[in-house]
Amino acid sequence: MATYAIGDLQGCYAPFKNLLDQVDFNPSQDHLYLVGDLVARGPDSLSCIDLVYTLQDSVTVTLGNHDLHLLATVLTDKQANPKDKLEPLLASDKLPAYVAYLQSQPLCVYNTQYDSFISHAGIYPLWTIETALQLSSWAKDCYQGPDAARYLSAMYGKQSDVIIDTKDTQIKFNSIVNVFSRMRFLTQDLSLDFDNKSGIELNNGLTPWFNHSRFKTSSTQFIFGHWAALEGRTTTTKTIALDTGYVWGGPMTLLNLSTNEQITSK
């Protein structure tokens, strides 16, 4: 039995299947974590989500911004961005099942066996793992419940402050979604910066979320995707960036949680 995690698929089916073949993935014994952004920008989002759906008993997805955007597109009858190349997926007769499946997936998970926290964009430095899991569960109730369309339709924008203790459930929802699916750099007061997507060499008063002192002494491993410009590089051994930007010309990366070995697509 093996446990794996793979970075952002973004509609790139061939390297995804190649990685599973390289490790001889056995759905009856192995488990796979996908850090999010299953769909959008690549050539075959339909095949990606179809395979994940087929393997769903052996797969856990932590939703990324593109997955949430797909939910918003479908549930609010919003026009899809042509750059996302989602037309075959949106035309599939299995779309309702795929949407329901994504709605059942969390924003973050914690694997106790390997002391590993997994999400699309990371974890807010001031949140404990227990707090993060509770907030993820609360947000999931929002995007899975009867008011899902309302929450998803208003989750965009640049709400940079992370506000959890509020009676405004939309503000709370947006804060949680922004941390788990959009976070990269933080300001000095730990607000989110949405404008900068470059690598860690940026130095204009911003700092990568994983540069916080908490992560320099952590025994927990934090596995994330979302930030292709990092090219798999972070500043600590316990923060592992798996989005190596296949859709932008890089490799796709798989991590074996039991050995910490990384394998790239052929």
Protein backbone atom coordinates (compact mmCIF):
# COMPACT_ATOMS: atom_id res chain seq x y z
CA MET A 1 0.00 0.00 0.00
CA ALA A 2 1.36 3.42 -1.00
CA THR A 3 0.16 6.99 -0.59
CA TYR A 4 0.85 9.60 -3.25
CA ALA A 5 0.15 13.26 -3.97
CA ILE A 6 0.18 14.90 -7.41
CA GLY A 7 0.36 18.59 -8.25
CA ASP A 8 -2.03 20.59 -10.41
CA LEU A 9 -3.41 18.62 -13.38
CA GLN A 10 -5.05 21.60 -15.11
CA GLY A 11 -6.64 19.46 -17.76
CA CYS A 12 -3.41 17.67 -18.76
CA TYR A 13 -4.44 14.04 -18.92
CA ALA A 14 -1.41 12.42 -20.57
CA PRO A 15 1.17 13.27 -17.85
CA PHE A 16 -1.36 12.44 -15.13
CA LYS A 17 -1.89 8.95 -16.54
CA ASN A 18 1.87 8.61 -17.09
CA LEU A 19 2.60 9.27 -13.41
CA LEU A 20 0.03 6.71 -12.28
CA ASP A 21 1.54 4.20 -14.67
CA GLN A 22 5.08 4.93 -13.46
CA VAL A 23 4.19 4.02 -9.87
CA ASP A 24 1.85 1.21 -10.94
CA PHE A 25 -0.99 2.84 -9.01
CA ASN A 26 -3.29 0.18 -7.58
CA PRO A 27 -6.68 1.64 -6.61
CA SER A 28 -7.49 -1.39 -4.46
CA GLN A 29 -4.45 -0.75 -2.25
CA ASP A 30 -3.03 2.74 -2.85
CA HIS A 31 -4.39 6.20 -2.13
CA LEU A 32 -3.89 9.37 -4.13
CA TYR A 33 -4.21 12.99 -3.02
CA LEU A 34 -4.71 15.58 -5.74
CA VAL A 35 -3.86 19.09 -4.53
CA GLY A 36 -6.45 20.77 -6.74
CA ASP A 37 -6.96 22.44 -10.10
CA LEU A 38 -7.97 19.24 -11.84
CA VAL A 39 -9.38 21.26 -14.72
CA ALA A 40 -8.84 24.32 -16.92
CA ARG A 41 -6.19 25.62 -19.32
CA GLY A 42 -4.98 22.20 -20.47
CA PRO A 43 -6.33 20.25 -23.46
CA ASP A 44 -8.37 17.48 -21.78
CA SER A 45 -10.11 18.45 -18.55
CA LEU A 46 -12.88 15.94 -19.32
CA SER A 47 -10.51 12.95 -19.33
CA CYS A 48 -8.81 14.17 -16.15
CA ILE A 49 -11.99 14.42 -14.13
CA ASP A 50 -13.42 11.27 -15.67
CA LEU A 51 -10.41 9.24 -14.49
CA VAL A 52 -10.51 10.85 -11.03
CA TYR A 53 -14.23 10.08 -10.80
CA THR A 54 -13.59 6.47 -11.79
CA LEU A 55 -10.91 6.17 -9.09
CA GLN A 56 -12.84 8.20 -6.52
CA ASP A 57 -12.77 5.55 -3.79
CA SER A 58 -8.97 5.79 -3.82
CA VAL A 59 -8.64 9.54 -4.37
CA THR A 60 -9.01 12.66 -2.24
CA VAL A 61 -9.12 16.05 -3.95
CA THR A 62 -8.45 19.33 -2.17
CA LEU A 63 -10.28 21.85 -4.31
CA GLY A 64 -8.32 24.54 -6.13
CA ASN A 65 -9.40 27.87 -7.55
CA HIS A 66 -10.11 26.39 -10.99
CA ASP A 67 -12.24 23.61 -9.49
CA LEU A 68 -14.24 26.16 -7.52
CA HIS A 69 -14.53 28.31 -10.63
CA LEU A 70 -15.96 25.31 -12.50
CA LEU A 71 -18.55 24.84 -9.75
CA ALA A 72 -19.45 28.53 -9.93
CA THR A 73 -19.69 28.39 -13.73
CA VAL A 74 -22.10 25.46 -13.67
CA LEU A 75 -24.17 26.34 -10.61
CA THR A 76 -24.67 30.00 -11.55
CA ASP A 77 -24.98 29.50 -15.33
CA LYS A 78 -21.94 31.68 -15.84
CA GLN A 79 -20.16 31.84 -19.17
CA ALA A 80 -16.93 29.83 -19.11
CA ASN A 81 -13.63 31.51 -19.93
CA PRO A 82 -12.59 30.28 -23.41
CA LYS A 83 -8.98 30.06 -22.17
CA ASP A 84 -10.05 27.29 -19.79
CA LYS A 85 -10.96 24.96 -22.67
CA LEU A 86 -13.84 23.46 -20.71
CA GLU A 87 -16.32 23.02 -23.59
CA PRO A 88 -16.14 19.17 -23.79
CA LEU A 89 -16.49 18.88 -20.02
CA LEU A 90 -19.42 21.29 -19.87
CA ALA A 91 -21.13 19.37 -22.69
CA SER A 92 -20.69 15.97 -21.03
CA ASP A 93 -23.82 14.16 -19.87
CA LYS A 94 -21.82 13.21 -16.75
CA LEU A 95 -21.33 16.85 -15.74
CA PRO A 96 -23.93 16.75 -12.92
CA ALA A 97 -22.15 13.75 -11.37
CA TYR A 98 -18.77 15.46 -11.69
CA VAL A 99 -20.11 18.63 -10.08
CA ALA A 100 -21.62 16.68 -7.19
CA TYR A 101 -18.33 14.84 -6.73
CA LEU A 102 -16.31 18.07 -6.57
CA GLN A 103 -18.83 19.52 -4.12
CA SER A 104 -18.17 16.52 -1.86
CA GLN A 105 -14.43 17.22 -1.71
CA PRO A 106 -12.72 19.37 0.97
CA LEU A 107 -10.43 22.38 0.79
CA CYS A 108 -7.82 20.70 2.98
CA VAL A 109 -7.03 17.36 4.62
CA TYR A 110 -4.60 16.05 7.22
CA ASN A 111 -2.94 12.64 6.91
CA THR A 112 -2.06 11.47 10.40
CA GLN A 113 0.09 8.56 9.25
CA TYR A 114 2.55 10.85 7.51
CA ASP A 115 1.86 13.98 9.57
CA SER A 116 1.02 15.78 6.33
CA PHE A 117 -1.37 18.67 5.75
CA ILE A 118 -2.55 18.96 2.15
CA SER A 119 -4.37 21.80 0.41
CA HIS A 120 -4.26 23.64 -2.88
CA ALA A 121 -2.55 26.87 -1.82
CA GLY A 122 -1.31 26.22 1.73
CA ILE A 123 -2.38 27.11 5.24
CA TYR A 124 -2.73 30.50 6.88
CA PRO A 125 0.21 30.83 9.30
CA LEU A 126 -1.99 31.76 12.27
CA TRP A 127 -4.31 28.76 11.88
CA THR A 128 -3.68 25.48 13.66
CA ILE A 129 -4.34 22.33 11.68
CA GLU A 130 -7.44 21.73 13.77
CA THR A 131 -8.73 25.23 12.99
CA ALA A 132 -7.98 24.80 9.29
CA LEU A 133 -9.90 21.52 9.14
CA GLN A 134 -12.87 23.06 10.95
CA LEU A 135 -12.94 26.04 8.59
CA SER A 136 -12.64 23.75 5.57
CA SER A 137 -15.61 21.73 6.81
CA TRP A 138 -17.66 24.90 7.34
CA ALA A 139 -16.88 26.16 3.84
CA LYS A 140 -17.70 22.78 2.33
CA ASP A 141 -21.16 22.98 3.90
CA CYS A 142 -21.54 26.29 2.05
CA TYR A 143 -20.52 25.12 -1.43
CA GLN A 144 -22.36 21.81 -1.03
CA GLY A 145 -25.54 23.18 0.50
CA PRO A 146 -28.70 24.79 -0.89
CA ASP A 147 -27.06 28.24 -1.03
CA ALA A 148 -24.00 27.02 -2.92
CA ALA A 149 -24.66 29.21 -5.96
CA ARG A 150 -24.93 32.33 -3.81
CA TYR A 151 -21.67 31.68 -1.99
CA LEU A 152 -19.78 30.72 -5.15
CA SER A 153 -21.05 33.62 -7.22
CA ALA A 154 -19.69 36.14 -4.69
CA MET A 155 -16.39 34.45 -3.79
CA TYR A 156 -14.35 36.51 -6.25
CA GLY A 157 -12.78 39.88 -5.69
CA LYS A 158 -9.81 41.05 -3.65
CA GLN A 159 -10.80 40.64 -0.03
CA SER A 160 -7.24 40.69 1.23
CA ASP A 161 -7.98 40.55 4.95
CA VAL A 162 -8.53 37.11 6.47
CA ILE A 163 -11.68 37.59 8.54
CA ILE A 164 -13.13 34.57 10.30
CA ASP A 165 -14.79 36.01 13.41
CA THR A 166 -17.69 37.71 11.68
CA LYS A 167 -21.44 37.28 11.36
CA ASP A 168 -21.14 37.96 7.63
CA THR A 169 -20.97 34.41 6.29
CA GLN A 170 -19.96 35.54 2.79
CA ILE A 171 -16.91 37.37 4.15
CA LYS A 172 -15.99 34.31 6.22
CA PHE A 173 -16.46 32.01 3.22
CA ASN A 174 -14.36 34.25 0.97
CA SER A 175 -11.56 34.38 3.54
CA ILE A 176 -11.42 30.59 3.81
CA VAL A 177 -11.57 30.05 0.05
CA ASN A 178 -8.93 32.71 -0.59
CA VAL A 179 -6.48 31.12 1.85
CA PHE A 180 -6.90 27.56 0.66
CA SER A 181 -7.14 28.20 -3.07
CA ARG A 182 -5.54 31.58 -3.92
CA MET A 183 -2.86 32.43 -1.34
CA ARG A 184 0.75 33.08 -2.35
CA PHE A 185 2.34 36.19 -0.83
CA LEU A 186 1.41 37.85 2.45
CA THR A 187 1.84 41.47 3.48
CA GLN A 188 3.55 42.46 6.73
CA ASP A 189 0.20 42.40 8.53
CA LEU A 190 -0.53 38.91 7.10
CA SER A 191 -3.11 40.07 4.59
CA LEU A 192 -3.24 38.28 1.25
CA ASP A 193 -1.69 39.73 -1.89
CA PHE A 194 -3.46 38.71 -5.09
CA ASP A 195 -1.41 40.65 -7.63
CA ASN A 196 1.99 38.97 -7.48
CA LYS A 197 2.46 35.48 -8.88
CA SER A 198 6.22 35.39 -9.35
CA GLY A 199 8.70 33.17 -7.51
CA ILE A 200 10.10 33.63 -4.01
CA GLU A 201 12.77 36.08 -5.18
CA LEU A 202 10.19 38.90 -5.09
CA ASN A 203 11.15 41.44 -2.41
CA ASN A 204 8.81 44.42 -2.12
CA GLY A 205 7.47 44.10 1.38
CA LEU A 206 5.76 40.80 0.63
CA THR A 207 6.73 37.35 1.85
CA PRO A 208 5.64 33.85 0.81
CA TRP A 209 3.19 32.36 3.30
CA PHE A 210 5.62 29.52 4.04
CA ASN A 211 8.33 31.97 5.14
CA HIS A 212 6.48 32.52 8.42
CA SER A 213 8.50 31.39 11.44
CA ARG A 214 5.93 28.72 12.20
CA PHE A 215 7.10 26.60 9.28
CA LYS A 216 10.80 26.75 10.14
CA THR A 217 10.33 24.56 13.21
CA SER A 218 7.27 22.53 12.20
CA SER A 219 7.38 18.74 12.28
CA THR A 220 4.29 18.60 10.06
CA GLN A 221 4.75 18.46 6.31
CA PHE A 222 2.68 20.97 4.32
CA ILE A 223 1.96 19.87 0.74
CA PHE A 224 0.44 22.31 -1.73
CA GLY A 225 0.18 23.27 -5.40
CA HIS A 226 -1.16 26.43 -7.06
CA TRP A 227 2.14 28.33 -7.35
CA ALA A 228 3.78 27.20 -10.57
CA ALA A 229 6.37 29.99 -10.53
CA LEU A 230 8.05 28.33 -7.54
CA GLU A 231 9.08 25.47 -9.83
CA GLY A 232 8.88 23.16 -6.83
CA ARG A 233 11.15 25.30 -4.61
CA THR A 234 10.32 26.62 -1.14
CA THR A 235 12.41 27.90 1.76
CA THR A 236 11.85 25.04 4.22
CA THR A 237 12.07 21.26 3.98
CA LYS A 238 8.59 20.87 5.45
CA THR A 239 6.73 22.87 2.78
CA ILE A 240 6.50 20.95 -0.47
CA ALA A 241 5.36 22.69 -3.66
CA LEU A 242 3.93 20.20 -6.16
CA ASP A 243 2.68 22.54 -8.88
CA THR A 244 5.64 22.45 -11.24
CA GLY A 245 3.65 23.96 -14.09
CA TYR A 246 3.10 21.22 -16.65
CA VAL A 247 0.49 23.30 -18.44
CA TRP A 248 3.11 26.07 -18.78
CA GLY A 249 5.87 23.80 -20.10
CA GLY A 250 7.24 22.25 -16.90
CA PRO A 251 6.85 18.69 -15.59
CA MET A 252 3.99 17.25 -13.56
CA THR A 253 5.17 16.01 -10.17
CA LEU A 254 4.14 13.12 -7.92
CA LEU A 255 5.23 12.76 -4.29
CA ASN A 256 5.41 9.41 -2.49
CA LEU A 257 4.44 10.35 1.06
CA SER A 258 6.05 7.27 2.60
CA THR A 259 9.49 7.89 1.08
CA ASN A 260 9.32 11.62 0.12
CA GLU A 261 10.57 10.59 -3.32
CA GLN A 262 9.39 12.85 -6.12
CA ILE A 263 8.71 11.53 -9.61
CA THR A 264 8.10 13.67 -12.67
CA SER A 265 6.07 12.90 -15.78
CA LYS A 266 7.77 11.58 -18.89
